[in-house]
């Protein structure tokens, strides 16, 4: 995650978009961090 909390939602959204577009693997710890970040958007 970027150091500035205000960018967490934007970063997580862009990250997931790229994961889906390129069909990339996401490990469980990263999934948990992204899920937590997106739940606060």
C-alpha atoms as a PDB file:
ATOM      1  CA  UNK A   1       0.000   0.000   0.000  1.00  0.00           C
ATOM      2  CA  UNK A   2       1.134   3.555  -0.605  1.00  0.00           C
ATOM      3  CA  UNK A   3       2.230   5.445   2.502  1.00  0.00           C
ATOM      4  CA  UNK A   4      -0.595   7.999   2.225  1.00  0.00           C
ATOM      5  CA  UNK A   5      -3.843   6.418   3.515  1.00  0.00           C
ATOM      6  CA  UNK A   6      -5.898   8.581   1.165  1.00  0.00           C
ATOM      7  CA  UNK A   7      -4.615   6.588  -1.796  1.00  0.00           C
ATOM      8  CA  UNK A   8      -5.296   3.089  -0.433  1.00  0.00           C
ATOM      9  CA  UNK A   9      -8.692   2.743  -2.156  1.00  0.00           C
ATOM     10  CA  UNK A  10      -7.428   4.023  -5.485  1.00  0.00           C
ATOM     11  CA  UNK A  11      -4.356   1.783  -5.340  1.00  0.00           C
ATOM     12  CA  UNK A  12      -6.361  -1.308  -4.378  1.00  0.00           C
ATOM     13  CA  UNK A  13      -8.888  -0.699  -7.152  1.00  0.00           C
ATOM     14  CA  UNK A  14      -6.179  -0.280  -9.781  1.00  0.00           C
ATOM     15  CA  UNK A  15      -4.298  -3.313  -8.478  1.00  0.00           C
ATOM     16  CA  UNK A  16      -7.375  -5.554  -8.690  1.00  0.00           C
ATOM     17  CA  UNK A  17      -8.178  -4.233 -12.172  1.00  0.00           C
ATOM     18  CA  UNK A  18      -4.708  -5.250 -13.365  1.00  0.00           C
ATOM     19  CA  UNK A  19      -4.951  -8.644 -11.654  1.00  0.00           C
ATOM     20  CA  UNK A  20      -8.196  -9.355 -13.485  1.00  0.00           C
ATOM     21  CA  UNK A  21      -7.061  -7.975 -16.836  1.00  0.00           C
ATOM     22  CA  UNK A  22      -3.901 -10.105 -16.891  1.00  0.00           C
ATOM     23  CA  UNK A  23      -5.351 -13.040 -14.952  1.00  0.00           C
ATOM     24  CA  UNK A  24      -2.602 -12.832 -12.370  1.00  0.00           C
ATOM     25  CA  UNK A  25      -2.332 -14.917  -9.222  1.00  0.00           C
ATOM     26  CA  UNK A  26      -3.041 -13.286  -5.875  1.00  0.00           C
ATOM     27  CA  UNK A  27      -1.759 -14.940  -2.716  1.00  0.00           C
ATOM     28  CA  UNK A  28      -3.888 -15.115   0.419  1.00  0.00           C
ATOM     29  CA  UNK A  29      -2.053 -12.443   2.460  1.00  0.00           C
ATOM     30  CA  UNK A  30      -2.292  -9.952  -0.416  1.00  0.00           C
ATOM     31  CA  UNK A  31      -5.957 -10.814  -0.906  1.00  0.00           C
ATOM     32  CA  UNK A  32      -6.650 -10.083   2.737  1.00  0.00           C
ATOM     33  CA  UNK A  33      -4.924  -6.687   2.591  1.00  0.00           C
ATOM     34  CA  UNK A  34      -6.762  -5.730  -0.606  1.00  0.00           C
ATOM     35  CA  UNK A  35     -10.102  -6.886   0.804  1.00  0.00           C
ATOM     36  CA  UNK A  36      -9.586  -4.856   3.969  1.00  0.00           C
ATOM     37  CA  UNK A  37      -8.609  -1.794   1.950  1.00  0.00           C
ATOM     38  CA  UNK A  38     -11.541  -2.087  -0.442  1.00  0.00           C
ATOM     39  CA  UNK A  39     -14.031  -2.597   2.365  1.00  0.00           C
ATOM     40  CA  UNK A  40     -13.212   0.918   3.570  1.00  0.00           C
ATOM     41  CA  UNK A  41     -13.750   2.594   0.208  1.00  0.00           C
END
